[in-house]
Amino acid sequence: MKKILNNTLKTVLPLLLGAFILYMVYDDFDFTRLWSELKNMNLLWFAVSVFFGIMSHVLRGWRWKLTLAPLGYNPSAATCVDSVYLAYAANLVLPRVGEVSRCVVLEKYEHVPFAHALGTLVMERMIDTLMVLLITFVAVAIQWPVFCEFLSETGIQIPGSAILSSPRGLVVAILSVIAIAVLLFLLLRKLSVWKRIKSFAARFMEGVLSLRKMKNSRLFVLETVGIWFCYFMQFYLCFFCFGFSSDLSVAAALLLFVGGSIAVVVPTPNGAGPWHYAIISIMVLYGISTTDAQVFALIVHSTQTLLVAVLGLYAIAALQLKGLNVNRTNKRN
């Protein structure tokens, strides 16, 4: 009963948090404007954006295959990519469960031990965190005045900047910090359990340290840069889908991208709520009206979430087909 309750809370609370923040952001929004912009959006640019979105997942799958090679595993590239599709879709239902689902898929279909796979994912997350920090540094350096204004508008204090009381921003910030704190607590509690299992911990650390044994490190770096380039292009090209955002600069897009990337750390489905708030707040600073910024955030996030869901369904079908083919082969043998 306790396990069922915990699982229910893990599913329901992120949904409620995201829904509440979305309500705060869109409580005065005229949704008739949304349909008008959908009819007039540039579908060519949208299609190119979708292409980069898919490629970001493909490159992540290929990179994972590369990190498993030093451990003596050679899973198929297709399974690695499908596991990534499935992981992002799983995160829509329960934030942060995607990493576990990736490892489960590889253990089931490619016989890669769960602990080894999870270790490589921890290493992968470390690299991605460094990439976010690097991109954030560049974006903030280029757009420092806008960044300071954004922090002030959301009620966040930094040295040398004034505190502006924004009740809505403070509520979003407080809820986000609480949600992240709870997530960290749950992760640390799980890690403490893992450390008590020596064999698991040994494999886990092997996976984390697999990068040291990698022969093709240049390809790893290239794929890592490619992943984040595709992430950025998927977001940036959406500017050209709408007339009101087509004139925004690459520097502005970079700061918006960083704001959105940080916002998705909050454990809501695909960052729903905090992502919208961050994007809208920053776009307003660049002269975009609040209504236009709300339209942009809602359409872009919704379409990207739909893409993740569709790719997840594709991955389920592809993995099921792979399982059937394996079973048929085993029966013949």
Protein backbone atom coordinates (compact mmCIF):
# COMPACT_ATOMS: atom_id res chain seq x y z
CA MET A 1 0.00 0.00 0.00
CA LYS A 2 2.83 2.36 0.92
CA LYS A 3 4.60 1.62 -2.38
CA ILE A 4 1.43 2.33 -4.36
CA LEU A 5 0.96 5.61 -2.48
CA ASN A 6 4.57 6.67 -3.13
CA ASN A 7 4.31 5.85 -6.84
CA THR A 8 1.02 7.74 -7.07
CA LEU A 9 2.52 10.80 -5.39
CA LYS A 10 5.57 10.70 -7.67
CA THR A 11 3.22 10.78 -10.67
CA VAL A 12 0.55 13.16 -9.42
CA LEU A 13 2.65 15.81 -7.65
CA PRO A 14 4.76 16.77 -10.72
CA LEU A 15 1.56 16.99 -12.78
CA LEU A 16 -0.11 19.18 -10.17
CA LEU A 17 2.96 21.39 -9.86
CA GLY A 18 3.18 21.86 -13.63
CA ALA A 19 -0.57 22.48 -13.94
CA PHE A 20 -0.53 25.05 -11.14
CA ILE A 21 2.37 27.02 -12.63
CA LEU A 22 0.74 26.87 -16.08
CA TYR A 23 -2.47 28.22 -14.56
CA MET A 24 -0.56 31.11 -13.02
CA VAL A 25 1.15 31.89 -16.32
CA TYR A 26 -1.97 31.59 -18.52
CA ASP A 27 -4.78 32.67 -16.18
CA ASP A 28 -5.46 35.80 -18.26
CA PHE A 29 -4.58 34.40 -21.71
CA ASP A 30 -6.96 34.66 -24.68
CA PHE A 31 -6.83 31.17 -26.21
CA THR A 32 -8.58 32.32 -29.41
CA ARG A 33 -5.25 33.93 -30.34
CA LEU A 34 -3.61 30.52 -30.21
CA TRP A 35 -5.67 29.10 -33.08
CA SER A 36 -4.97 32.17 -35.22
CA GLU A 37 -1.20 31.78 -34.81
CA LEU A 38 -1.37 28.04 -35.45
CA LYS A 39 -3.07 28.63 -38.82
CA ASN A 40 -0.47 31.21 -39.85
CA MET A 41 2.75 29.61 -38.55
CA ASN A 42 5.47 28.75 -41.06
CA LEU A 43 5.34 24.96 -41.35
CA LEU A 44 8.60 24.70 -43.33
CA TRP A 45 10.66 26.12 -40.49
CA PHE A 46 8.69 23.97 -38.08
CA ALA A 47 9.52 20.83 -40.08
CA VAL A 48 13.24 21.69 -40.05
CA SER A 49 13.01 22.28 -36.29
CA VAL A 50 11.44 18.82 -35.86
CA PHE A 51 14.30 17.30 -37.88
CA PHE A 52 16.87 18.75 -35.46
CA GLY A 53 14.77 17.54 -32.54
CA ILE A 54 14.85 13.98 -33.84
CA MET A 55 18.57 14.18 -34.62
CA SER A 56 19.35 15.25 -31.04
CA HIS A 57 17.88 11.95 -29.82
CA VAL A 58 19.62 9.94 -32.54
CA LEU A 59 23.00 11.44 -31.65
CA ARG A 60 22.39 10.76 -27.97
CA GLY A 61 21.70 7.11 -28.78
CA TRP A 62 24.84 6.86 -30.91
CA ARG A 63 26.90 8.49 -28.16
CA TRP A 64 25.59 6.02 -25.60
CA LYS A 65 26.65 3.11 -27.80
CA LEU A 66 30.11 4.69 -27.90
CA THR A 67 30.36 4.95 -24.10
CA LEU A 68 29.40 1.29 -23.66
CA ALA A 69 32.15 0.02 -25.98
CA PRO A 70 35.00 0.36 -23.40
CA LEU A 71 33.00 -1.91 -21.08
CA GLY A 72 32.92 -4.65 -23.71
CA TYR A 73 29.34 -4.17 -24.92
CA ASN A 74 28.25 -3.56 -28.49
CA PRO A 75 24.48 -2.94 -28.49
CA SER A 76 22.80 -2.11 -31.77
CA ALA A 77 22.59 1.61 -32.58
CA ALA A 78 18.87 1.23 -33.28
CA THR A 79 18.16 -0.13 -29.79
CA CYS A 80 20.20 2.65 -28.19
CA VAL A 81 18.27 5.29 -30.13
CA ASP A 82 14.92 3.65 -29.41
CA SER A 83 15.77 3.57 -25.71
CA VAL A 84 16.39 7.32 -25.83
CA TYR A 85 13.04 7.90 -27.56
CA LEU A 86 11.34 5.81 -24.89
CA ALA A 87 13.19 7.53 -22.05
CA TYR A 88 12.06 11.02 -23.03
CA ALA A 89 8.49 9.81 -23.45
CA ALA A 90 8.61 8.11 -20.03
CA ASN A 91 9.70 11.40 -18.48
CA LEU A 92 6.40 12.90 -19.63
CA VAL A 93 4.60 10.50 -17.30
CA LEU A 94 7.06 10.48 -14.41
CA PRO A 95 9.92 12.99 -14.43
CA ARG A 96 13.45 11.51 -14.27
CA VAL A 97 12.29 7.90 -14.71
CA GLY A 98 13.57 7.92 -18.29
CA GLU A 99 17.15 7.09 -17.30
CA VAL A 100 15.98 3.92 -15.58
CA SER A 101 13.86 2.91 -18.59
CA ARG A 102 16.87 3.32 -20.90
CA CYS A 103 18.89 0.91 -18.79
CA VAL A 104 16.02 -1.56 -18.59
CA VAL A 105 15.66 -1.57 -22.39
CA LEU A 106 19.36 -2.24 -22.92
CA GLU A 107 19.38 -5.01 -20.31
CA LYS A 108 16.33 -6.68 -21.85
CA TYR A 109 17.21 -6.44 -25.54
CA GLU A 110 21.02 -6.20 -25.59
CA HIS A 111 21.96 -7.99 -22.30
CA VAL A 112 23.88 -4.99 -20.95
CA PRO A 113 23.91 -5.15 -17.12
CA PHE A 114 21.70 -2.49 -15.58
CA ALA A 115 24.46 -1.17 -13.29
CA HIS A 116 26.94 -0.70 -16.14
CA ALA A 117 24.35 1.08 -18.28
CA LEU A 118 23.33 3.33 -15.39
CA GLY A 119 26.94 4.21 -14.68
CA THR A 120 27.45 5.42 -18.24
CA LEU A 121 24.29 7.52 -17.94
CA VAL A 122 25.63 9.20 -14.80
CA MET A 123 28.79 10.06 -16.72
CA GLU A 124 26.62 11.27 -19.59
CA ARG A 125 24.66 13.56 -17.27
CA MET A 126 27.91 14.98 -15.89
CA ILE A 127 29.04 15.86 -19.41
CA ASP A 128 25.66 17.40 -20.22
CA THR A 129 25.78 19.47 -17.04
CA LEU A 130 29.17 20.82 -18.09
CA MET A 131 27.73 21.68 -21.50
CA VAL A 132 24.82 23.55 -19.91
CA LEU A 133 27.23 25.48 -17.69
CA LEU A 134 29.42 26.36 -20.69
CA ILE A 135 26.46 27.51 -22.80
CA THR A 136 25.09 29.45 -19.83
CA PHE A 137 28.41 31.23 -19.33
CA VAL A 138 28.55 32.23 -23.00
CA ALA A 139 24.90 33.37 -23.08
CA VAL A 140 25.16 35.37 -19.87
CA ALA A 141 28.43 36.99 -20.97
CA ILE A 142 26.90 38.06 -24.27
CA GLN A 143 23.55 39.16 -22.84
CA TRP A 144 24.52 40.23 -19.29
CA PRO A 145 22.21 43.30 -19.04
CA VAL A 146 19.18 41.27 -20.18
CA PHE A 147 20.13 38.44 -17.83
CA CYS A 148 20.30 40.80 -14.84
CA GLU A 149 16.96 42.31 -15.78
CA PHE A 150 15.40 38.85 -16.03
CA LEU A 151 16.64 37.89 -12.57
CA SER A 152 15.34 41.16 -11.16
CA GLU A 153 11.94 40.70 -12.77
CA THR A 154 11.63 37.23 -11.24
CA GLY A 155 12.58 38.47 -7.80
CA ILE A 156 15.99 36.78 -7.68
CA GLN A 157 18.81 38.72 -6.01
CA ILE A 158 22.31 38.84 -7.42
CA PRO A 159 25.20 41.04 -6.22
CA GLY A 160 24.82 44.57 -7.54
CA SER A 161 21.21 44.20 -8.72
CA ALA A 162 18.06 45.52 -7.09
CA ILE A 163 15.35 43.27 -5.73
CA LEU A 164 12.05 43.78 -7.48
CA SER A 165 9.09 42.23 -5.74
CA SER A 166 7.28 40.06 -8.27
CA PRO A 167 4.80 37.84 -6.35
CA ARG A 168 4.23 35.54 -9.31
CA GLY A 169 7.94 35.13 -9.93
CA LEU A 170 8.63 34.44 -6.26
CA VAL A 171 5.92 31.77 -6.09
CA VAL A 172 7.29 30.02 -9.20
CA ALA A 173 10.85 30.24 -7.88
CA ILE A 174 9.92 28.89 -4.43
CA LEU A 175 7.90 25.99 -5.86
CA SER A 176 10.71 25.16 -8.28
CA VAL A 177 13.36 25.15 -5.53
CA ILE A 178 11.19 22.93 -3.32
CA ALA A 179 10.57 20.50 -6.20
CA ILE A 180 14.28 20.31 -7.04
CA ALA A 181 15.15 19.77 -3.36
CA VAL A 182 12.67 16.89 -3.12
CA LEU A 183 14.09 15.37 -6.33
CA LEU A 184 17.66 15.58 -5.00
CA PHE A 185 16.58 14.00 -1.72
CA LEU A 186 14.97 11.06 -3.51
CA LEU A 187 18.01 10.57 -5.75
CA LEU A 188 20.45 10.70 -2.83
CA ARG A 189 18.31 8.23 -0.87
CA LYS A 190 18.44 5.82 -3.80
CA LEU A 191 22.19 6.29 -4.16
CA SER A 192 22.69 5.43 -0.49
CA VAL A 193 20.91 2.13 -1.14
CA TRP A 194 23.03 1.40 -4.18
CA LYS A 195 26.26 2.00 -2.28
CA ARG A 196 25.37 -0.78 0.13
CA ILE A 197 25.43 -3.27 -2.71
CA LYS A 198 29.13 -3.80 -3.49
CA SER A 199 28.80 -5.62 -6.79
CA PHE A 200 26.32 -3.09 -8.10
CA ALA A 201 28.50 -0.18 -6.98
CA ALA A 202 31.54 -1.67 -8.70
CA ARG A 203 29.73 -1.96 -12.04
CA PHE A 204 28.20 1.44 -11.53
CA MET A 205 31.63 3.09 -11.13
CA GLU A 206 32.94 1.18 -14.13
CA GLY A 207 30.23 2.80 -16.19
CA VAL A 208 30.97 6.24 -14.78
CA LEU A 209 34.68 5.87 -15.56
CA SER A 210 34.15 4.35 -19.01
CA LEU A 211 35.11 7.65 -20.64
CA ARG A 212 38.73 7.14 -19.59
CA LYS A 213 38.97 3.94 -21.64
CA MET A 214 37.25 5.33 -24.71
CA LYS A 215 39.35 5.01 -27.86
CA ASN A 216 37.32 7.29 -30.09
CA SER A 217 37.16 10.33 -27.80
CA ARG A 218 37.01 12.76 -30.72
CA LEU A 219 33.79 11.18 -31.94
CA PHE A 220 32.38 11.42 -28.41
CA VAL A 221 33.15 15.15 -28.29
CA LEU A 222 31.73 15.66 -31.77
CA GLU A 223 28.51 13.84 -30.89
CA THR A 224 28.19 15.77 -27.63
CA VAL A 225 28.52 19.09 -29.43
CA GLY A 226 26.12 17.81 -32.08
CA ILE A 227 23.48 16.93 -29.48
CA TRP A 228 23.47 20.42 -28.00
CA PHE A 229 23.68 22.07 -31.40
CA CYS A 230 20.55 20.16 -32.42
CA TYR A 231 18.81 21.12 -29.18
CA PHE A 232 19.57 24.77 -29.85
CA MET A 233 18.57 24.65 -33.51
CA GLN A 234 15.30 22.89 -32.67
CA PHE A 235 14.46 25.82 -30.39
CA TYR A 236 15.98 28.65 -32.46
CA LEU A 237 14.28 27.72 -35.74
CA CYS A 238 10.90 28.02 -34.01
CA PHE A 239 11.49 31.79 -33.99
CA PHE A 240 10.98 31.83 -37.76
CA CYS A 241 7.63 30.08 -37.47
CA PHE A 242 6.04 33.31 -36.21
CA GLY A 243 6.21 36.87 -37.47
CA PHE A 244 6.58 38.42 -34.03
CA SER A 245 9.69 36.42 -33.14
CA SER A 246 11.48 36.13 -36.50
CA ASP A 247 13.67 39.18 -35.85
CA LEU A 248 15.12 37.98 -32.55
CA SER A 249 18.90 37.57 -32.66
CA VAL A 250 20.94 34.42 -32.16
CA ALA A 251 22.25 35.93 -28.90
CA ALA A 252 18.67 36.38 -27.68
CA ALA A 253 17.88 32.81 -28.69
CA LEU A 254 20.91 31.59 -26.76
CA LEU A 255 19.77 33.28 -23.55
CA LEU A 256 16.23 31.99 -24.01
CA PHE A 257 17.60 28.51 -24.65
CA VAL A 258 19.64 28.65 -21.44
CA GLY A 259 16.65 29.88 -19.46
CA GLY A 260 14.53 27.03 -20.79
CA SER A 261 17.27 24.44 -20.20
CA ILE A 262 17.61 25.46 -16.56
CA ALA A 263 13.83 25.57 -16.06
CA VAL A 264 13.36 21.94 -17.13
CA VAL A 265 15.40 20.85 -14.10
CA VAL A 266 12.21 21.40 -12.10
CA PRO A 267 10.51 17.97 -11.95
CA THR A 268 7.38 18.64 -13.98
CA PRO A 269 6.44 16.76 -17.18
CA ASN A 270 8.92 18.03 -19.81
CA GLY A 271 9.44 21.17 -17.72
CA ALA A 272 5.83 22.29 -18.25
CA GLY A 273 5.13 25.45 -16.29
CA PRO A 274 8.63 26.60 -15.28
CA TRP A 275 9.79 26.42 -18.93
CA HIS A 276 6.85 28.55 -20.07
CA TYR A 277 7.43 31.08 -17.33
CA ALA A 278 11.14 31.43 -18.12
CA ILE A 279 10.61 31.77 -21.88
CA ILE A 280 7.78 34.29 -21.55
CA SER A 281 9.68 36.40 -19.00
CA ILE A 282 12.79 36.62 -21.17
CA MET A 283 10.94 37.23 -24.46
CA VAL A 284 9.13 40.19 -22.87
CA LEU A 285 12.53 41.73 -22.09
CA TYR A 286 13.31 41.64 -25.81
CA GLY A 287 10.19 43.64 -26.67
CA ILE A 288 7.85 40.75 -27.44
CA SER A 289 4.36 41.34 -26.05
CA THR A 290 3.25 39.10 -23.21
CA THR A 291 0.47 37.61 -25.35
CA ASP A 292 2.85 36.80 -28.22
CA ALA A 293 5.36 35.30 -25.78
CA GLN A 294 2.60 33.17 -24.24
CA VAL A 295 1.59 31.96 -27.71
CA PHE A 296 5.21 31.11 -28.60
CA ALA A 297 5.85 29.22 -25.36
CA LEU A 298 2.60 27.27 -25.51
CA ILE A 299 2.90 26.21 -29.17
CA VAL A 300 6.61 25.39 -29.08
CA HIS A 301 6.43 23.41 -25.85
CA SER A 302 3.25 21.58 -26.90
CA THR A 303 4.61 20.57 -30.31
CA GLN A 304 7.95 19.47 -28.86
CA THR A 305 6.14 17.44 -26.20
CA LEU A 306 3.97 15.87 -28.89
CA LEU A 307 7.11 14.95 -30.85
CA VAL A 308 8.55 13.24 -27.76
CA ALA A 309 5.32 11.30 -27.26
CA VAL A 310 5.18 10.18 -30.92
CA LEU A 311 8.82 9.05 -30.87
CA GLY A 312 8.11 7.17 -27.65
CA LEU A 313 5.22 5.29 -29.28
CA TYR A 314 7.45 4.52 -32.26
CA ALA A 315 10.13 3.16 -29.89
CA ILE A 316 7.62 0.90 -28.13
CA ALA A 317 6.51 -0.55 -31.49
CA ALA A 318 10.08 -0.95 -32.73
CA LEU A 319 11.25 -2.67 -29.54
CA GLN A 320 8.25 -4.99 -29.52
CA LEU A 321 9.01 -5.96 -33.12
CA LYS A 322 12.64 -6.55 -32.20
CA GLY A 323 11.55 -8.80 -29.35
CA LEU A 324 9.28 -10.81 -31.64
CA ASN A 325 12.09 -11.28 -34.17
CA VAL A 326 14.48 -12.44 -31.44
CA ASN A 327 11.93 -14.96 -30.16
CA ARG A 328 11.35 -16.34 -33.67
CA THR A 329 15.11 -16.70 -34.20
CA ASN A 330 15.51 -18.52 -30.87
CA LYS A 331 12.71 -20.94 -31.72
CA ARG A 332 14.28 -21.80 -35.07
CA ASN A 333 17.61 -22.48 -33.39
